[in-house]
Amino acid sequence: MNDDMMTCWEALPSNLRNDIIKEIQTGHKMEMWRATKNQKRVAKDNQRERRAIDGIGQHVASIDLGGYLANKIFKNESVKDKDYLNWVIKRHPEVRVNSKGTKLQVGYGN
């Protein structure tokens, strides 16, 4: 924070500052609860069989927007990082999407 903002913050009564901090923390907890609840709905939808899209690739995971944004904003983690995405899928298997390729291989053999 810059000096003007610090002066304004410090000018607030301490009980009001504590209430503001508590509200921010409670709001964050509420958003995380909402993201968890929405992820259960997304996980149910992930069980549908899907097909890859030519030129785009296979749909690997589906993550609730609130949870995704929280990780991006607070932890600067993104699913664009393959290692992070693999970690998320391993830790939260419900995000994995039931997806198949677009090509069918017939008569593979000698």
Protein backbone atom coordinates (compact mmCIF):
# COMPACT_ATOMS: atom_id res chain seq x y z
CA MET A 1 0.00 0.00 0.00
CA ASN A 2 1.13 3.54 -0.59
CA ASP A 3 1.55 6.06 2.26
CA ASP A 4 -1.85 7.75 1.71
CA MET A 5 -3.68 4.44 1.88
CA MET A 6 -1.75 3.41 4.99
CA THR A 7 -2.65 6.73 6.64
CA CYS A 8 -6.34 6.20 5.80
CA TRP A 9 -6.20 2.60 7.05
CA GLU A 10 -4.50 3.61 10.27
CA ALA A 11 -7.03 6.42 10.76
CA LEU A 12 -9.83 3.85 11.04
CA PRO A 13 -10.73 2.69 14.55
CA SER A 14 -9.06 -0.63 15.37
CA ASN A 15 -12.39 -2.45 15.86
CA LEU A 16 -13.49 -1.33 12.36
CA ARG A 17 -10.17 -2.50 10.86
CA ASN A 18 -10.63 -5.88 12.58
CA ASP A 19 -14.20 -6.12 11.26
CA ILE A 20 -13.00 -5.37 7.71
CA ILE A 21 -10.29 -8.03 7.93
CA LYS A 22 -12.79 -10.55 9.32
CA GLU A 23 -15.25 -9.76 6.51
CA ILE A 24 -12.56 -10.28 3.87
CA GLN A 25 -11.60 -13.63 5.41
CA THR A 26 -15.23 -14.74 5.74
CA GLY A 27 -15.96 -13.72 2.15
CA HIS A 28 -12.99 -15.76 0.94
CA LYS A 29 -14.16 -18.80 2.91
CA MET A 30 -17.66 -18.37 1.46
CA GLU A 31 -16.28 -18.21 -2.08
CA MET A 32 -14.22 -21.36 -1.50
CA TRP A 33 -17.31 -23.15 -0.12
CA ARG A 34 -19.32 -22.03 -3.17
CA ALA A 35 -16.55 -23.21 -5.51
CA THR A 36 -16.48 -26.62 -3.78
CA LYS A 37 -20.25 -26.94 -4.11
CA ASN A 38 -20.17 -25.95 -7.78
CA GLN A 39 -17.29 -28.34 -8.43
CA LYS A 40 -19.52 -31.24 -7.33
CA ARG A 41 -22.01 -30.21 -10.03
CA VAL A 42 -19.20 -29.90 -12.57
CA ALA A 43 -17.83 -33.32 -11.51
CA LYS A 44 -21.20 -34.94 -12.19
CA ASP A 45 -21.20 -33.40 -15.68
CA ASN A 46 -17.62 -34.64 -16.22
CA GLN A 47 -18.86 -38.23 -16.26
CA ARG A 48 -20.61 -37.69 -19.60
CA GLU A 49 -18.62 -39.15 -22.47
CA ARG A 50 -17.12 -36.47 -24.66
CA ARG A 51 -15.09 -36.52 -27.85
CA ALA A 52 -11.94 -34.60 -28.62
CA ILE A 53 -12.26 -31.75 -31.12
CA ASP A 54 -10.01 -31.92 -34.18
CA GLY A 55 -7.46 -29.14 -34.05
CA ILE A 56 -8.11 -28.37 -30.38
CA GLY A 57 -7.47 -31.70 -28.71
CA GLN A 58 -8.90 -33.74 -25.90
CA HIS A 59 -10.87 -32.19 -23.05
CA VAL A 60 -8.81 -33.28 -20.01
CA ALA A 61 -10.35 -31.54 -17.01
CA SER A 62 -13.20 -29.25 -16.04
CA ILE A 63 -12.73 -26.99 -13.03
CA ASP A 64 -15.20 -24.62 -11.38
CA LEU A 65 -14.52 -21.01 -12.38
CA GLY A 66 -14.40 -19.79 -8.76
CA GLY A 67 -11.79 -22.37 -7.80
CA TYR A 68 -9.78 -21.66 -10.94
CA LEU A 69 -9.78 -17.90 -10.36
CA ALA A 70 -8.89 -18.29 -6.68
CA ASN A 71 -5.83 -20.37 -7.59
CA LYS A 72 -4.85 -17.96 -10.35
CA ILE A 73 -5.24 -14.82 -8.25
CA PHE A 74 -4.01 -15.97 -4.84
CA LYS A 75 -1.42 -18.59 -5.82
CA ASN A 76 -0.61 -17.56 -9.41
CA GLU A 77 -1.13 -21.15 -10.55
CA SER A 78 -2.66 -21.92 -13.92
CA VAL A 79 -3.86 -25.07 -15.63
CA LYS A 80 -1.79 -23.99 -18.64
CA ASP A 81 1.13 -25.48 -16.68
CA LYS A 82 0.97 -29.24 -17.49
CA ASP A 83 2.64 -30.26 -14.20
CA TYR A 84 0.14 -28.22 -12.18
CA LEU A 85 -2.79 -29.63 -14.18
CA ASN A 86 -1.56 -33.19 -13.61
CA TRP A 87 -1.21 -32.44 -9.89
CA VAL A 88 -4.78 -31.06 -9.77
CA ILE A 89 -6.16 -34.15 -11.55
CA LYS A 90 -4.25 -36.47 -9.23
CA ARG A 91 -5.33 -34.61 -6.07
CA HIS A 92 -8.93 -33.98 -7.23
CA PRO A 93 -9.92 -36.88 -9.52
CA GLU A 94 -13.45 -35.48 -9.90
CA VAL A 95 -12.12 -32.81 -12.29
CA ARG A 96 -11.04 -35.43 -14.85
CA VAL A 97 -13.31 -35.48 -17.89
CA ASN A 98 -14.45 -38.72 -19.52
CA SER A 99 -13.11 -37.91 -22.98
CA LYS A 100 -12.23 -40.06 -25.97
CA GLY A 101 -10.27 -39.39 -29.15
CA THR A 102 -11.88 -38.67 -32.50
CA LYS A 103 -10.24 -41.40 -34.54
CA LEU A 104 -11.11 -45.07 -34.41
CA GLN A 105 -8.33 -47.51 -35.15
CA VAL A 106 -9.55 -50.69 -36.84
CA GLY A 107 -7.53 -53.70 -37.93
CA TYR A 108 -4.35 -52.85 -36.11
CA GLY A 109 -2.00 -55.78 -36.24
CA ASN A 110 0.80 -57.44 -38.12
